[in-house]
N, C-alpha and C. Protein backbone atom coordinates (compact mmCIF):
# COMPACT_ATOMS: atom_id res chain seq x y z
N MET A 1 -132.76 73.52 -204.53
CA MET A 1 -132.05 73.14 -203.33
C MET A 1 -133.06 72.64 -202.30
N ILE A 2 -132.60 71.78 -201.42
CA ILE A 2 -133.45 71.15 -200.41
C ILE A 2 -132.96 71.56 -199.04
N LEU A 3 -133.90 71.99 -198.19
CA LEU A 3 -133.57 72.35 -196.82
C LEU A 3 -133.34 71.09 -195.99
N CYS A 4 -132.51 71.21 -194.97
CA CYS A 4 -132.18 70.05 -194.13
C CYS A 4 -132.18 70.45 -192.67
N ASP A 5 -132.90 69.71 -191.85
CA ASP A 5 -133.03 69.96 -190.43
C ASP A 5 -131.93 69.24 -189.65
N ALA A 6 -131.75 69.62 -188.40
CA ALA A 6 -130.69 69.08 -187.55
C ALA A 6 -130.78 67.57 -187.37
N GLY A 7 -131.97 67.04 -187.19
CA GLY A 7 -132.14 65.61 -186.97
C GLY A 7 -131.62 64.78 -188.12
N VAL A 8 -131.85 65.24 -189.34
CA VAL A 8 -131.35 64.51 -190.51
C VAL A 8 -129.84 64.66 -190.61
N LEU A 9 -129.31 65.84 -190.30
CA LEU A 9 -127.86 66.01 -190.31
C LEU A 9 -127.19 65.01 -189.37
N LEU A 10 -127.74 64.89 -188.17
CA LEU A 10 -127.20 63.91 -187.23
C LEU A 10 -127.35 62.50 -187.77
N CYS A 11 -128.50 62.20 -188.31
CA CYS A 11 -128.78 60.87 -188.86
C CYS A 11 -127.79 60.50 -189.96
N LEU A 12 -127.35 61.47 -190.72
CA LEU A 12 -126.40 61.20 -191.80
C LEU A 12 -125.04 60.72 -191.30
N VAL A 13 -124.65 61.16 -190.11
CA VAL A 13 -123.31 60.83 -189.60
C VAL A 13 -123.32 59.84 -188.45
N ASP A 14 -124.48 59.53 -187.92
CA ASP A 14 -124.58 58.61 -186.77
C ASP A 14 -125.18 57.29 -187.24
N HIS A 15 -124.31 56.31 -187.47
CA HIS A 15 -124.77 55.02 -188.00
C HIS A 15 -125.65 54.25 -187.03
N THR A 16 -125.74 54.68 -185.76
CA THR A 16 -126.62 54.00 -184.80
C THR A 16 -128.06 54.47 -184.90
N GLN A 17 -128.30 55.54 -185.64
CA GLN A 17 -129.67 56.04 -185.82
C GLN A 17 -130.45 55.06 -186.70
N PRO A 18 -131.69 54.74 -186.33
CA PRO A 18 -132.47 53.75 -187.08
C PRO A 18 -132.63 54.08 -188.57
N GLN A 19 -132.69 55.36 -188.91
CA GLN A 19 -132.91 55.75 -190.30
C GLN A 19 -131.64 56.19 -191.01
N HIS A 20 -130.50 55.89 -190.44
CA HIS A 20 -129.20 56.30 -191.01
C HIS A 20 -129.08 55.87 -192.47
N ASN A 21 -129.22 54.59 -192.75
CA ASN A 21 -129.04 54.10 -194.13
C ASN A 21 -130.07 54.69 -195.09
N ALA A 22 -131.31 54.79 -194.64
CA ALA A 22 -132.36 55.34 -195.50
C ALA A 22 -132.07 56.78 -195.89
N TYR A 23 -131.63 57.59 -194.93
CA TYR A 23 -131.35 59.00 -195.25
C TYR A 23 -130.08 59.15 -196.06
N ARG A 24 -129.08 58.34 -195.81
CA ARG A 24 -127.86 58.40 -196.64
C ARG A 24 -128.19 58.06 -198.09
N THR A 25 -129.02 57.05 -198.29
CA THR A 25 -129.44 56.67 -199.64
C THR A 25 -130.25 57.79 -200.29
N THR A 26 -131.18 58.36 -199.53
CA THR A 26 -132.02 59.44 -200.05
C THR A 26 -131.17 60.65 -200.43
N VAL A 27 -130.27 61.07 -199.56
CA VAL A 27 -129.44 62.24 -199.82
C VAL A 27 -128.53 62.01 -201.02
N THR A 28 -128.01 60.80 -201.14
CA THR A 28 -127.15 60.48 -202.28
C THR A 28 -127.89 60.66 -203.60
N ALA A 29 -129.18 60.36 -203.60
CA ALA A 29 -129.98 60.44 -204.82
C ALA A 29 -130.48 61.85 -205.13
N LEU A 30 -130.41 62.75 -204.16
CA LEU A 30 -130.94 64.10 -204.34
C LEU A 30 -129.91 65.04 -204.95
N ALA A 31 -130.45 66.14 -205.47
CA ALA A 31 -129.57 67.21 -205.97
C ALA A 31 -128.78 67.78 -204.80
N LYS A 32 -127.55 68.09 -205.05
CA LYS A 32 -126.69 68.65 -204.00
C LYS A 32 -126.43 70.11 -204.33
N PRO A 33 -126.07 70.93 -203.42
CA PRO A 33 -125.94 70.67 -202.00
C PRO A 33 -127.27 70.83 -201.27
N LEU A 34 -127.31 70.41 -200.01
CA LEU A 34 -128.44 70.66 -199.13
C LEU A 34 -128.22 72.04 -198.50
N SER A 35 -129.30 72.64 -198.03
CA SER A 35 -129.20 73.95 -197.37
C SER A 35 -129.72 73.83 -195.95
N THR A 36 -129.01 74.44 -195.02
CA THR A 36 -129.44 74.48 -193.63
C THR A 36 -129.10 75.84 -193.06
N THR A 37 -129.24 75.98 -191.76
CA THR A 37 -128.90 77.24 -191.08
C THR A 37 -127.88 76.95 -189.99
N TRP A 38 -127.22 78.00 -189.52
CA TRP A 38 -126.26 77.81 -188.44
C TRP A 38 -126.94 77.24 -187.20
N SER A 39 -128.17 77.63 -186.94
CA SER A 39 -128.89 77.09 -185.77
C SER A 39 -129.06 75.58 -185.88
N CYS A 40 -129.41 75.10 -187.04
CA CYS A 40 -129.57 73.66 -187.25
C CYS A 40 -128.24 72.93 -187.15
N LEU A 41 -127.21 73.50 -187.76
CA LEU A 41 -125.90 72.86 -187.70
C LEU A 41 -125.37 72.85 -186.26
N THR A 42 -125.59 73.92 -185.53
CA THR A 42 -125.17 73.98 -184.13
C THR A 42 -125.87 72.90 -183.31
N GLU A 43 -127.17 72.75 -183.52
CA GLU A 43 -127.93 71.72 -182.81
C GLU A 43 -127.39 70.33 -183.16
N ALA A 44 -127.14 70.09 -184.43
CA ALA A 44 -126.60 68.79 -184.87
C ALA A 44 -125.21 68.56 -184.29
N MET A 45 -124.37 69.60 -184.25
CA MET A 45 -123.02 69.47 -183.69
C MET A 45 -123.08 69.13 -182.20
N TYR A 46 -123.99 69.76 -181.49
CA TYR A 46 -124.16 69.48 -180.06
C TYR A 46 -124.56 68.02 -179.85
N LEU A 47 -125.54 67.57 -180.60
CA LEU A 47 -125.98 66.18 -180.48
C LEU A 47 -124.88 65.21 -180.89
N ALA A 48 -124.15 65.55 -181.95
CA ALA A 48 -123.05 64.69 -182.41
C ALA A 48 -121.96 64.58 -181.35
N LEU A 49 -121.66 65.67 -180.68
CA LEU A 49 -120.65 65.63 -179.62
C LEU A 49 -121.02 64.62 -178.56
N HIS A 50 -122.29 64.59 -178.16
CA HIS A 50 -122.74 63.70 -177.09
C HIS A 50 -122.95 62.27 -177.56
N ARG A 51 -123.08 62.06 -178.85
CA ARG A 51 -123.29 60.70 -179.37
C ARG A 51 -122.00 60.06 -179.89
N GLY A 52 -121.12 60.88 -180.44
CA GLY A 52 -119.93 60.29 -181.06
C GLY A 52 -118.67 61.11 -180.90
N GLY A 53 -118.74 62.18 -180.12
CA GLY A 53 -117.56 62.99 -179.87
C GLY A 53 -117.07 63.75 -181.11
N TRP A 54 -115.80 64.13 -181.03
CA TRP A 54 -115.20 64.92 -182.09
C TRP A 54 -115.27 64.22 -183.43
N ALA A 55 -115.10 62.91 -183.47
CA ALA A 55 -115.10 62.19 -184.75
C ALA A 55 -116.41 62.40 -185.50
N MET A 56 -117.53 62.38 -184.78
CA MET A 56 -118.82 62.59 -185.43
C MET A 56 -119.01 64.06 -185.81
N GLN A 57 -118.55 64.97 -184.97
CA GLN A 57 -118.62 66.39 -185.31
C GLN A 57 -117.80 66.68 -186.57
N LYS A 58 -116.64 66.04 -186.67
CA LYS A 58 -115.79 66.24 -187.84
C LYS A 58 -116.50 65.79 -189.12
N GLN A 59 -117.27 64.70 -189.04
CA GLN A 59 -118.03 64.25 -190.20
C GLN A 59 -119.05 65.30 -190.63
N LEU A 60 -119.70 65.93 -189.66
CA LEU A 60 -120.64 67.01 -190.00
C LEU A 60 -119.92 68.17 -190.65
N GLY A 61 -118.79 68.56 -190.07
CA GLY A 61 -118.01 69.66 -190.65
C GLY A 61 -117.53 69.34 -192.05
N GLN A 62 -117.25 68.08 -192.30
CA GLN A 62 -116.78 67.67 -193.63
C GLN A 62 -117.86 67.89 -194.69
N LEU A 63 -119.13 67.81 -194.30
CA LEU A 63 -120.21 68.11 -195.24
C LEU A 63 -120.08 69.53 -195.78
N LEU A 64 -119.70 70.46 -194.91
CA LEU A 64 -119.47 71.85 -195.34
C LEU A 64 -118.24 71.95 -196.24
N LEU A 65 -117.16 71.32 -195.80
CA LEU A 65 -115.92 71.39 -196.57
C LEU A 65 -116.07 70.76 -197.96
N ASP A 66 -116.87 69.70 -198.04
CA ASP A 66 -117.11 69.03 -199.32
C ASP A 66 -118.20 69.72 -200.15
N GLN A 67 -118.71 70.83 -199.64
CA GLN A 67 -119.76 71.62 -200.30
C GLN A 67 -121.01 70.80 -200.58
N LEU A 68 -121.30 69.85 -199.68
CA LEU A 68 -122.54 69.08 -199.75
C LEU A 68 -123.62 69.75 -198.91
N LEU A 69 -123.21 70.76 -198.16
CA LEU A 69 -124.10 71.49 -197.27
C LEU A 69 -123.74 72.96 -197.35
N VAL A 70 -124.74 73.80 -197.56
CA VAL A 70 -124.52 75.25 -197.56
C VAL A 70 -125.40 75.87 -196.47
N ILE A 71 -124.96 77.00 -195.98
CA ILE A 71 -125.63 77.67 -194.87
C ILE A 71 -126.43 78.87 -195.38
N PHE A 72 -127.72 78.89 -195.06
CA PHE A 72 -128.55 80.07 -195.31
C PHE A 72 -128.30 81.02 -194.14
N GLU A 73 -127.87 82.22 -194.45
CA GLU A 73 -127.51 83.19 -193.42
C GLU A 73 -128.72 83.99 -192.96
N ILE A 74 -128.91 84.06 -191.66
CA ILE A 74 -129.96 84.87 -191.06
C ILE A 74 -129.43 86.30 -190.91
N GLN A 75 -130.24 87.25 -191.30
CA GLN A 75 -129.84 88.66 -191.24
C GLN A 75 -130.46 89.33 -190.01
N GLU A 76 -129.85 90.39 -189.58
CA GLU A 76 -130.35 91.11 -188.40
C GLU A 76 -131.80 91.55 -188.56
N ASN A 77 -132.16 91.94 -189.77
CA ASN A 77 -133.54 92.40 -189.97
C ASN A 77 -134.55 91.24 -189.94
N ASP A 78 -134.08 90.00 -189.81
CA ASP A 78 -134.97 88.83 -189.70
C ASP A 78 -135.27 88.46 -188.25
N TYR A 79 -134.58 89.02 -187.29
CA TYR A 79 -134.70 88.60 -185.90
C TYR A 79 -136.14 88.70 -185.38
N ALA A 80 -136.79 89.83 -185.64
CA ALA A 80 -138.16 90.01 -185.15
C ALA A 80 -139.09 88.98 -185.76
N HIS A 81 -138.90 88.69 -187.05
CA HIS A 81 -139.76 87.70 -187.72
C HIS A 81 -139.55 86.31 -187.12
N LEU A 82 -138.30 85.96 -186.78
CA LEU A 82 -138.04 84.68 -186.13
C LEU A 82 -138.81 84.56 -184.82
N LEU A 83 -138.79 85.62 -184.01
CA LEU A 83 -139.53 85.61 -182.75
C LEU A 83 -141.03 85.54 -182.99
N ASP A 84 -141.51 86.23 -184.03
CA ASP A 84 -142.93 86.16 -184.37
C ASP A 84 -143.34 84.73 -184.74
N LEU A 85 -142.50 84.06 -185.54
CA LEU A 85 -142.79 82.66 -185.90
C LEU A 85 -142.82 81.76 -184.67
N MET A 86 -141.85 81.94 -183.78
CA MET A 86 -141.79 81.11 -182.57
C MET A 86 -143.01 81.36 -181.69
N GLU A 87 -143.47 82.61 -181.62
CA GLU A 87 -144.68 82.91 -180.85
C GLU A 87 -145.91 82.30 -181.51
N LYS A 88 -146.00 82.45 -182.82
CA LYS A 88 -147.15 81.92 -183.55
C LYS A 88 -147.31 80.42 -183.35
N TYR A 89 -146.19 79.69 -183.36
CA TYR A 89 -146.22 78.24 -183.23
C TYR A 89 -145.82 77.78 -181.82
N SER A 90 -146.01 78.62 -180.83
CA SER A 90 -145.60 78.28 -179.47
C SER A 90 -146.37 77.09 -178.90
N ASP A 91 -147.50 76.77 -179.49
CA ASP A 91 -148.25 75.59 -179.04
C ASP A 91 -147.59 74.29 -179.44
N ARG A 92 -146.66 74.31 -180.41
CA ARG A 92 -146.01 73.07 -180.89
C ARG A 92 -144.95 72.59 -179.92
N PRO A 93 -144.02 73.28 -179.34
CA PRO A 93 -143.53 74.63 -179.62
C PRO A 93 -142.46 74.62 -180.71
N MET A 94 -142.29 75.76 -181.35
CA MET A 94 -141.26 75.92 -182.39
C MET A 94 -139.97 76.39 -181.74
N ASP A 95 -138.87 75.69 -182.03
CA ASP A 95 -137.58 76.16 -181.53
C ASP A 95 -136.93 77.09 -182.56
N LEU A 96 -135.83 77.69 -182.16
CA LEU A 96 -135.15 78.66 -183.04
C LEU A 96 -134.69 78.00 -184.34
N ALA A 97 -134.16 76.79 -184.27
CA ALA A 97 -133.68 76.12 -185.48
C ALA A 97 -134.81 75.93 -186.49
N ASP A 98 -135.97 75.49 -186.02
CA ASP A 98 -137.11 75.33 -186.93
C ASP A 98 -137.55 76.67 -187.52
N ALA A 99 -137.54 77.70 -186.69
CA ALA A 99 -137.93 79.03 -187.17
C ALA A 99 -136.99 79.50 -188.28
N THR A 100 -135.70 79.20 -188.14
CA THR A 100 -134.76 79.63 -189.19
C THR A 100 -135.00 78.89 -190.50
N LEU A 101 -135.45 77.64 -190.42
CA LEU A 101 -135.75 76.91 -191.65
C LEU A 101 -137.01 77.45 -192.32
N VAL A 102 -138.01 77.83 -191.54
CA VAL A 102 -139.20 78.45 -192.12
C VAL A 102 -138.80 79.77 -192.78
N LEU A 103 -137.98 80.56 -192.10
CA LEU A 103 -137.50 81.82 -192.67
C LEU A 103 -136.72 81.57 -193.96
N ALA A 104 -135.86 80.56 -193.96
CA ALA A 104 -135.10 80.22 -195.16
C ALA A 104 -136.04 79.87 -196.31
N ALA A 105 -137.08 79.12 -196.03
CA ALA A 105 -138.06 78.77 -197.06
C ALA A 105 -138.75 80.01 -197.59
N GLU A 106 -139.10 80.92 -196.70
CA GLU A 106 -139.77 82.15 -197.12
C GLU A 106 -138.87 83.01 -198.00
N ASN A 107 -137.59 83.06 -197.67
CA ASN A 107 -136.67 83.94 -198.39
C ASN A 107 -136.11 83.33 -199.66
N THR A 108 -136.11 82.02 -199.76
CA THR A 108 -135.51 81.38 -200.94
C THR A 108 -136.53 80.77 -201.89
N GLY A 109 -137.72 80.47 -201.38
CA GLY A 109 -138.72 79.79 -202.19
C GLY A 109 -138.56 78.27 -202.15
N TYR A 110 -137.57 77.76 -201.42
CA TYR A 110 -137.39 76.31 -201.31
C TYR A 110 -138.49 75.74 -200.41
N ARG A 111 -139.19 74.74 -200.90
CA ARG A 111 -140.27 74.12 -200.11
C ARG A 111 -139.93 72.71 -199.67
N GLN A 112 -138.99 72.08 -200.36
CA GLN A 112 -138.63 70.70 -200.01
C GLN A 112 -137.73 70.72 -198.78
N ILE A 113 -138.00 69.77 -197.86
CA ILE A 113 -137.21 69.70 -196.64
C ILE A 113 -137.01 68.25 -196.23
N LEU A 114 -135.81 67.97 -195.76
CA LEU A 114 -135.48 66.70 -195.13
C LEU A 114 -135.55 66.94 -193.63
N THR A 115 -136.44 66.26 -192.95
CA THR A 115 -136.61 66.45 -191.51
C THR A 115 -137.20 65.21 -190.88
N LEU A 116 -136.88 64.99 -189.63
CA LEU A 116 -137.52 63.94 -188.84
C LEU A 116 -138.65 64.53 -188.00
N ASP A 117 -138.81 65.84 -188.07
CA ASP A 117 -139.72 66.61 -187.23
C ASP A 117 -141.09 66.73 -187.90
N SER A 118 -142.10 66.13 -187.30
CA SER A 118 -143.45 66.16 -187.88
C SER A 118 -144.07 67.56 -187.86
N ASP A 119 -143.48 68.48 -187.10
CA ASP A 119 -144.01 69.85 -187.06
C ASP A 119 -143.99 70.53 -188.43
N PHE A 120 -143.10 70.09 -189.31
CA PHE A 120 -143.03 70.71 -190.63
C PHE A 120 -144.24 70.38 -191.51
N PHE A 121 -145.07 69.46 -191.05
CA PHE A 121 -146.35 69.23 -191.72
C PHE A 121 -147.36 70.32 -191.33
N PHE A 122 -147.09 71.02 -190.22
CA PHE A 122 -148.00 72.06 -189.72
C PHE A 122 -147.51 73.47 -190.03
N TYR A 123 -146.20 73.67 -190.02
CA TYR A 123 -145.66 74.99 -190.30
C TYR A 123 -146.04 75.42 -191.72
N ARG A 124 -146.26 76.70 -191.89
CA ARG A 124 -146.60 77.26 -193.20
C ARG A 124 -145.56 78.29 -193.62
N ILE A 125 -145.31 78.31 -194.91
CA ILE A 125 -144.39 79.28 -195.51
C ILE A 125 -145.22 80.49 -195.90
N ARG A 126 -144.89 81.62 -195.32
CA ARG A 126 -145.67 82.86 -195.52
C ARG A 126 -147.15 82.66 -195.20
N ASP A 127 -147.42 81.86 -194.18
CA ASP A 127 -148.78 81.61 -193.68
C ASP A 127 -149.71 80.89 -194.65
N ARG A 128 -149.17 80.37 -195.76
CA ARG A 128 -150.07 79.71 -196.70
C ARG A 128 -149.53 78.42 -197.30
N ASP A 129 -148.28 78.42 -197.73
CA ASP A 129 -147.73 77.25 -198.43
C ASP A 129 -147.20 76.21 -197.46
N SER A 130 -147.43 74.97 -197.77
CA SER A 130 -146.92 73.90 -196.92
C SER A 130 -145.54 73.46 -197.41
N PHE A 131 -144.82 72.80 -196.52
CA PHE A 131 -143.52 72.21 -196.88
C PHE A 131 -143.77 70.91 -197.60
N ASP A 132 -142.88 70.58 -198.48
CA ASP A 132 -142.85 69.27 -199.15
C ASP A 132 -141.80 68.45 -198.37
N VAL A 133 -142.30 67.67 -197.40
CA VAL A 133 -141.41 66.86 -196.56
C VAL A 133 -141.01 65.62 -197.32
N ILE A 134 -139.72 65.46 -197.51
CA ILE A 134 -139.19 64.31 -198.22
C ILE A 134 -139.04 63.14 -197.26
N GLN A 135 -139.69 62.06 -197.57
CA GLN A 135 -139.62 60.85 -196.74
C GLN A 135 -138.47 59.98 -197.20
N ALA A 136 -137.72 59.44 -196.25
CA ALA A 136 -136.61 58.53 -196.61
C ALA A 136 -137.11 57.08 -196.55
């Protein structure tokens, strides 16, 4: 499974994004479904609302309904680790959505990620492994 960040989720449904076609083509060729977190989907939904209103948000929601996107669930016992990650990378700075993707990688072993965020070249999985950032 491949992790997916909020920027790519928005790019998939917003045809005005410069990389829209490239990411749609890339995602079509990849194994499905993609995996994300509620934090990333929330961020993408917020951006979609301001760029395309309900119609664009509905397209994002349809990814879930069509089982093209699954949600990695954050557990209560992960909260402290999320804050530790955000503190560790506070010089970047790391937001909550990015921290949840690092946590997802640590808990699932998934290293491949679709992201527009160059910070994933710096973030480490369990302080040692790098992400395999998929370029569109």
